């Protein structure tokens, strides 16, 4: 159990460093992906991830990041 968490933590730190070092559009795409995953998890708690309200939130986030 500990070994799995340690390895996943190391991989996530490497990915985060790569995104930060590359910066620009790569960092923007990474932040967009993390934001979408986080929003999906939050919406799952309230069971609105597949409703019109959820779709509106996803669309608003996409427009925000495209802006």
Protein backbone atom coordinates (compact mmCIF):
# COMPACT_ATOMS: atom_id res chain seq x y z
CA UNK A 1 0.00 0.00 0.00
CA UNK A 2 2.70 2.47 1.00
CA UNK A 3 4.82 1.58 -2.03
CA UNK A 4 1.91 2.28 -4.41
CA UNK A 5 1.23 5.68 -2.84
CA UNK A 6 4.92 6.55 -2.88
CA UNK A 7 5.32 5.64 -6.55
CA UNK A 8 2.17 7.51 -7.57
CA UNK A 9 3.36 10.56 -5.61
CA UNK A 10 6.74 10.46 -7.35
CA UNK A 11 5.07 10.18 -10.77
CA UNK A 12 2.74 13.10 -9.99
CA UNK A 13 5.66 15.29 -8.88
CA UNK A 14 7.54 14.47 -12.10
CA UNK A 15 4.47 15.33 -14.18
CA UNK A 16 3.93 18.58 -12.24
CA UNK A 17 7.56 19.62 -12.69
CA UNK A 18 7.41 18.84 -16.42
CA UNK A 19 4.26 20.94 -16.81
CA UNK A 20 5.74 23.84 -14.86
CA UNK A 21 9.06 23.75 -16.70
CA UNK A 22 7.43 23.54 -20.14
CA UNK A 23 4.90 26.24 -19.23
CA UNK A 24 2.77 28.02 -21.80
CA UNK A 25 0.09 26.01 -23.56
CA UNK A 26 1.29 22.72 -22.07
CA UNK A 27 0.75 24.05 -18.55
CA UNK A 28 -2.61 25.51 -19.59
CA UNK A 29 -3.75 22.14 -20.96
CA UNK A 30 -2.60 20.38 -17.79
CA UNK A 31 -4.45 22.82 -15.57
CA UNK A 32 -7.54 22.47 -17.73
CA UNK A 33 -7.43 18.67 -17.36
CA UNK A 34 -6.96 18.87 -13.59
CA UNK A 35 -9.80 21.41 -13.32
CA UNK A 36 -12.15 19.21 -15.35
CA UNK A 37 -11.33 16.16 -13.23
CA UNK A 38 -11.84 18.15 -10.03
CA UNK A 39 -15.14 19.57 -11.24
CA UNK A 40 -16.32 16.09 -12.24
CA UNK A 41 -15.45 14.75 -8.78
CA UNK A 42 -17.26 17.64 -7.08
CA UNK A 43 -20.32 17.23 -9.28
CA UNK A 44 -20.31 13.47 -8.59
CA UNK A 45 -20.76 14.16 -4.88
CA UNK A 46 -23.93 16.12 -5.62
CA UNK A 47 -25.03 13.76 -8.45
CA UNK A 48 -25.19 16.53 -11.04
CA UNK A 49 -22.31 15.44 -13.28
CA UNK A 50 -24.69 14.31 -16.04
CA UNK A 51 -27.37 16.97 -15.70
CA UNK A 52 -27.91 20.26 -17.48
CA UNK A 53 -26.36 22.14 -14.54
CA UNK A 54 -23.23 19.99 -14.81
CA UNK A 55 -22.98 20.47 -18.56
CA UNK A 56 -23.31 24.23 -18.06
CA UNK A 57 -20.48 24.17 -15.55
CA UNK A 58 -18.24 22.16 -17.89
CA UNK A 59 -19.02 24.54 -20.74
CA UNK A 60 -18.31 27.59 -18.57
CA UNK A 61 -14.96 26.13 -17.54
CA UNK A 62 -14.04 25.34 -21.14
CA UNK A 63 -14.91 28.89 -22.22
CA UNK A 64 -12.87 30.26 -19.30
CA UNK A 65 -9.79 28.30 -20.32
CA UNK A 66 -10.22 29.12 -24.00
CA UNK A 67 -10.39 32.78 -23.10
